[in-house]
Amino acid sequence: MDFNYKNPAHLFAFLMITASLLMFIIVPILSYFGIFAADATGPIENIPSDFKLFFELFVLILQGIFVIVLLILSPYVWYTLVNKLSWKQMLERIHLHTKQLDMALLWGIITAIAAFVFVIVLGVLLSVLGFNVKEASNIKDLELFFSTPSILFLITLQPIAEEFFFRGFLLEKFSSLQGELFGVFLSSLFFGMAHLSYGNLYPALMTGCIGVLLAFLVVKTKNLTAAIIAHVLFNVTSFVFYLIGRELLVEALML
């Protein structure tokens, strides 16, 4: 690796990546065990009506800054300071491009469909085994803070940052250590653990498994755009299903 702990710039990049992992891995784990848990009464419902819009906009902007800094800026800093790559070289390294966009769209749609089939089949199987998957949806946690338009905004744009970090940066770095298979499963493990922040093991388990599909998609197509398309399609379609029928056997899941 190019990292040198004696180089202050490298240490700064390391601290940024560490901060990202702490916030998206350690904090969710603590949340799962009852720390940083969201108030089940619904924070946005407790805000006076005159301030709800302001509060939601503030949280939405804060979430956007948080995601951009930790999921996009921190890998950019690493690639720039440690690997000495330009922006163009960095995008090439993580396979983020618009080449063969038609094939990226096709594979993105196929992967999104495969993810839905996987979620439905496993959900039915868990129901048969006695697990209450009706309580598994993580969208309810988003509804504690955001209205429907804000959720649609988040689940459409945040996947870009998540793919940049998990299937871009982490997959590339882990693959360079022990090969692509190692990179696929470890980046997917981290992706699943990040969704423990909803205080529910089921979304984390499902998200980690779908992360494997998305990672293999990037490995096969050498195109991160395909994973972004699949991720956005899955999120938006899942949320639409959630809105249409909240009593379905398998509730929707956000990645």
Protein backbone atom coordinates (compact mmCIF):
# COMPACT_ATOMS: atom_id res chain seq x y z
CA MET A 1 0.00 0.00 0.00
CA ASP A 2 1.01 3.60 -0.47
CA PHE A 3 0.14 4.55 3.11
CA ASN A 4 2.95 5.90 5.28
CA TYR A 5 2.05 6.57 8.91
CA LYS A 6 4.94 9.03 9.19
CA ASN A 7 3.39 11.29 6.57
CA PRO A 8 1.03 13.87 8.17
CA ALA A 9 -1.10 14.07 5.01
CA HIS A 10 -1.50 10.30 5.03
CA LEU A 11 -2.48 10.37 8.71
CA PHE A 12 -5.11 12.99 7.95
CA ALA A 13 -6.55 10.79 5.19
CA PHE A 14 -6.48 7.81 7.55
CA LEU A 15 -8.38 9.76 10.21
CA MET A 16 -11.07 10.74 7.68
CA ILE A 17 -11.58 7.14 6.57
CA THR A 18 -11.57 6.02 10.21
CA ALA A 19 -14.21 8.62 11.02
CA SER A 20 -16.35 7.32 8.15
CA LEU A 21 -16.05 3.73 9.35
CA LEU A 22 -16.77 4.73 12.94
CA MET A 23 -19.92 6.61 11.98
CA PHE A 24 -21.22 4.00 9.54
CA ILE A 25 -20.06 0.84 11.32
CA ILE A 26 -19.42 1.38 15.04
CA VAL A 27 -22.29 3.79 15.70
CA PRO A 28 -24.82 1.47 14.00
CA ILE A 29 -23.58 -1.44 16.10
CA LEU A 30 -24.02 0.64 19.27
CA SER A 31 -27.45 1.69 18.02
CA TYR A 32 -28.45 -1.94 17.54
CA PHE A 33 -27.70 -2.59 21.22
CA GLY A 34 -29.82 0.35 22.37
CA ILE A 35 -27.44 3.31 22.17
CA PHE A 36 -28.35 6.26 19.91
CA ALA A 37 -31.76 4.66 19.34
CA ALA A 38 -34.39 6.83 17.69
CA ASP A 39 -37.36 7.94 19.75
CA ALA A 40 -40.23 5.64 18.83
CA THR A 41 -42.74 8.47 19.36
CA GLY A 42 -41.47 10.17 16.23
CA PRO A 43 -39.18 13.24 16.57
CA ILE A 44 -40.82 15.09 13.68
CA GLU A 45 -44.26 14.64 15.24
CA ASN A 46 -43.10 16.31 18.44
CA ILE A 47 -42.05 19.48 16.62
CA PRO A 48 -44.57 22.36 16.62
CA SER A 49 -46.35 22.57 13.25
CA ASP A 50 -44.90 26.01 12.50
CA PHE A 51 -41.37 24.64 12.73
CA LYS A 52 -41.80 21.19 11.14
CA LEU A 53 -40.73 22.29 7.67
CA PHE A 54 -37.70 24.15 9.03
CA PHE A 55 -36.72 21.20 11.21
CA GLU A 56 -37.05 18.70 8.38
CA LEU A 57 -35.10 20.89 5.96
CA PHE A 58 -32.36 21.34 8.56
CA VAL A 59 -32.09 17.58 9.18
CA LEU A 60 -32.16 16.90 5.43
CA ILE A 61 -29.32 19.35 4.75
CA LEU A 62 -27.36 17.99 7.72
CA GLN A 63 -27.82 14.45 6.43
CA GLY A 64 -26.65 15.50 2.97
CA ILE A 65 -23.50 17.16 4.33
CA PHE A 66 -22.84 14.17 6.57
CA VAL A 67 -23.11 11.72 3.67
CA ILE A 68 -21.02 13.79 1.24
CA VAL A 69 -18.19 14.34 3.72
CA LEU A 70 -17.99 10.78 5.02
CA LEU A 71 -18.82 8.74 1.93
CA ILE A 72 -17.38 10.85 -0.91
CA LEU A 73 -14.92 13.39 0.46
CA SER A 74 -13.02 10.95 2.70
CA PRO A 75 -12.25 8.47 -0.15
CA TYR A 76 -11.35 11.43 -2.38
CA VAL A 77 -8.89 12.68 0.24
CA TRP A 78 -7.34 9.21 0.51
CA TYR A 79 -6.96 8.79 -3.24
CA THR A 80 -5.53 12.31 -3.55
CA LEU A 81 -3.13 12.40 -0.59
CA VAL A 82 -2.14 8.75 -0.27
CA ASN A 83 -2.45 7.29 -3.77
CA LYS A 84 -1.60 10.58 -5.57
CA LEU A 85 -4.43 10.12 -8.06
CA SER A 86 -6.23 12.82 -9.99
CA TRP A 87 -10.04 12.96 -9.98
CA LYS A 88 -10.12 11.24 -13.37
CA GLN A 89 -7.72 8.52 -12.24
CA MET A 90 -9.77 7.99 -9.07
CA LEU A 91 -12.97 7.49 -11.07
CA GLU A 92 -11.15 5.00 -13.28
CA ARG A 93 -9.90 3.15 -10.20
CA ILE A 94 -13.44 2.67 -8.83
CA HIS A 95 -14.97 2.10 -12.31
CA LEU A 96 -17.30 5.10 -12.15
CA HIS A 97 -17.93 6.07 -15.77
CA THR A 98 -20.66 6.31 -18.42
CA LYS A 99 -19.15 3.87 -20.92
CA GLN A 100 -21.66 1.30 -22.22
CA LEU A 101 -24.43 3.04 -20.33
CA ASP A 102 -27.03 0.86 -22.02
CA MET A 103 -25.43 -2.28 -20.62
CA ALA A 104 -25.09 -0.64 -17.21
CA LEU A 105 -28.82 0.11 -17.27
CA LEU A 106 -29.65 -3.44 -18.34
CA TRP A 107 -27.51 -5.06 -15.66
CA GLY A 108 -28.78 -2.57 -13.09
CA ILE A 109 -32.39 -3.54 -13.81
CA ILE A 110 -31.56 -7.26 -13.75
CA THR A 111 -29.75 -6.91 -10.42
CA ALA A 112 -32.58 -4.88 -8.88
CA ILE A 113 -35.08 -7.58 -9.92
CA ALA A 114 -32.79 -10.29 -8.51
CA ALA A 115 -32.57 -8.36 -5.24
CA PHE A 116 -36.37 -8.16 -5.02
CA VAL A 117 -36.73 -11.88 -5.68
CA PHE A 118 -34.17 -12.62 -2.98
CA VAL A 119 -35.92 -10.37 -0.44
CA ILE A 120 -39.35 -11.86 -1.16
CA VAL A 121 -38.19 -15.48 -1.06
CA LEU A 122 -36.22 -15.03 2.15
CA GLY A 123 -39.05 -13.01 3.69
CA VAL A 124 -41.56 -15.77 2.97
CA LEU A 125 -39.15 -18.37 4.30
CA LEU A 126 -38.62 -16.43 7.53
CA SER A 127 -42.39 -15.99 7.91
CA VAL A 128 -42.89 -19.75 7.57
CA LEU A 129 -40.22 -20.27 10.22
CA GLY A 130 -42.09 -17.96 12.57
CA PHE A 131 -40.19 -14.71 12.26
CA ASN A 132 -42.26 -11.52 12.23
CA VAL A 133 -40.95 -9.82 9.09
CA LYS A 134 -43.80 -7.28 9.22
CA GLU A 135 -41.74 -5.47 11.84
CA ALA A 136 -38.61 -5.60 9.71
CA SER A 137 -39.07 -2.55 7.49
CA ASN A 138 -36.54 0.21 8.10
CA ILE A 139 -38.65 2.82 6.31
CA LYS A 140 -40.55 3.43 9.53
CA ASP A 141 -37.34 4.73 11.06
CA LEU A 142 -36.90 7.20 8.22
CA GLU A 143 -40.47 8.37 8.75
CA LEU A 144 -39.50 9.42 12.28
CA PHE A 145 -37.58 12.33 10.77
CA PHE A 146 -38.69 12.83 7.17
CA SER A 147 -41.85 13.29 5.13
CA THR A 148 -42.53 11.23 2.00
CA PRO A 149 -40.96 13.77 -0.46
CA SER A 150 -37.82 14.00 1.68
CA ILE A 151 -37.52 10.21 1.89
CA LEU A 152 -37.83 9.96 -1.89
CA PHE A 153 -35.09 12.56 -2.23
CA LEU A 154 -32.81 10.70 0.18
CA ILE A 155 -33.29 7.22 -1.25
CA THR A 156 -32.63 8.52 -4.76
CA LEU A 157 -29.45 10.51 -4.08
CA GLN A 158 -27.86 8.80 -1.08
CA PRO A 159 -27.27 5.51 -2.98
CA ILE A 160 -24.80 7.39 -5.20
CA ALA A 161 -22.66 8.22 -2.17
CA GLU A 162 -23.07 4.75 -0.68
CA GLU A 163 -21.99 3.07 -3.91
CA PHE A 164 -19.04 5.45 -4.19
CA PHE A 165 -17.83 4.38 -0.73
CA PHE A 166 -18.81 0.72 -0.41
CA ARG A 167 -18.68 -0.66 -3.99
CA GLY A 168 -16.16 1.94 -5.10
CA PHE A 169 -13.55 2.72 -2.45
CA LEU A 170 -13.91 -0.20 -0.01
CA LEU A 171 -14.36 -2.85 -2.71
CA GLU A 172 -11.28 -1.59 -4.55
CA LYS A 173 -9.14 -1.39 -1.41
CA PHE A 174 -10.19 -4.76 0.03
CA SER A 175 -9.79 -6.43 -3.39
CA SER A 176 -6.26 -5.06 -3.67
CA LEU A 177 -5.41 -6.75 -0.36
CA GLN A 178 -6.72 -10.30 -0.84
CA GLY A 179 -8.48 -10.49 -4.19
CA GLU A 180 -11.93 -9.65 -5.53
CA LEU A 181 -13.83 -12.35 -3.61
CA PHE A 182 -12.44 -11.01 -0.34
CA GLY A 183 -13.34 -7.49 -1.40
CA VAL A 184 -16.89 -8.48 -2.36
CA PHE A 185 -17.74 -10.12 0.95
CA LEU A 186 -15.94 -7.74 3.31
CA SER A 187 -17.35 -4.60 1.67
CA SER A 188 -20.81 -6.23 1.76
CA LEU A 189 -20.37 -7.08 5.44
CA PHE A 190 -19.59 -3.45 6.19
CA PHE A 191 -22.54 -2.35 4.04
CA GLY A 192 -24.89 -4.57 6.02
CA MET A 193 -23.49 -3.47 9.37
CA ALA A 194 -24.05 0.16 8.38
CA HIS A 195 -27.80 -0.54 8.31
CA LEU A 196 -27.87 -1.69 11.92
CA SER A 197 -28.45 2.01 12.62
CA TYR A 198 -32.14 1.27 12.20
CA GLY A 199 -31.98 -0.93 15.30
CA ASN A 200 -33.08 -4.02 13.41
CA LEU A 201 -31.02 -7.08 12.46
CA TYR A 202 -33.22 -8.08 9.52
CA PRO A 203 -32.54 -5.00 7.32
CA ALA A 204 -28.81 -5.32 8.03
CA LEU A 205 -28.81 -9.01 7.07
CA MET A 206 -30.79 -8.41 3.89
CA THR A 207 -28.77 -5.33 2.95
CA GLY A 208 -25.51 -7.21 3.40
CA CYS A 209 -26.73 -10.00 1.12
CA ILE A 210 -27.89 -7.52 -1.51
CA GLY A 211 -24.53 -5.81 -1.12
CA VAL A 212 -22.95 -9.04 -2.35
CA LEU A 213 -25.11 -8.87 -5.50
CA LEU A 214 -24.13 -5.25 -6.09
CA ALA A 215 -20.45 -5.97 -5.50
CA PHE A 216 -20.44 -8.89 -7.93
CA LEU A 217 -22.22 -6.61 -10.40
CA VAL A 218 -19.33 -4.12 -10.22
CA VAL A 219 -16.76 -6.91 -10.49
CA LYS A 220 -18.49 -8.38 -13.54
CA THR A 221 -19.28 -5.16 -15.43
CA LYS A 222 -16.35 -3.04 -14.20
CA ASN A 223 -18.95 -0.28 -14.00
CA LEU A 224 -20.02 1.31 -10.73
CA THR A 225 -22.83 3.10 -12.58
CA ALA A 226 -24.63 -0.24 -12.95
CA ALA A 227 -24.63 -0.69 -9.17
CA ILE A 228 -25.87 2.87 -8.65
CA ILE A 229 -28.76 2.23 -11.07
CA ALA A 230 -29.65 -1.05 -9.33
CA HIS A 231 -29.45 0.57 -5.89
CA VAL A 232 -31.67 3.54 -6.82
CA LEU A 233 -34.20 1.32 -8.62
CA PHE A 234 -34.44 -1.03 -5.65
CA ASN A 235 -34.90 1.81 -3.16
CA VAL A 236 -37.49 3.77 -5.12
CA THR A 237 -39.51 0.71 -6.13
CA SER A 238 -39.38 -0.68 -2.61
CA PHE A 239 -40.63 2.62 -1.18
CA VAL A 240 -43.46 2.80 -3.73
CA PHE A 241 -44.52 -0.73 -2.77
CA TYR A 242 -44.41 0.33 0.88
CA LEU A 243 -46.70 3.27 0.22
CA ILE A 244 -49.12 1.22 -1.89
CA GLY A 245 -49.52 -1.68 0.50
CA ARG A 246 -48.19 -1.47 4.06
CA GLU A 247 -49.83 -4.78 4.92
CA LEU A 248 -47.88 -6.87 2.40
CA LEU A 249 -46.28 -10.04 3.71
CA VAL A 250 -42.78 -8.72 3.13
CA GLU A 251 -42.35 -5.05 3.91
CA ALA A 252 -40.05 -2.77 1.97
CA LEU A 253 -36.37 -2.40 2.67
CA MET A 254 -34.09 0.58 2.10
CA LEU A 255 -30.43 0.04 1.24
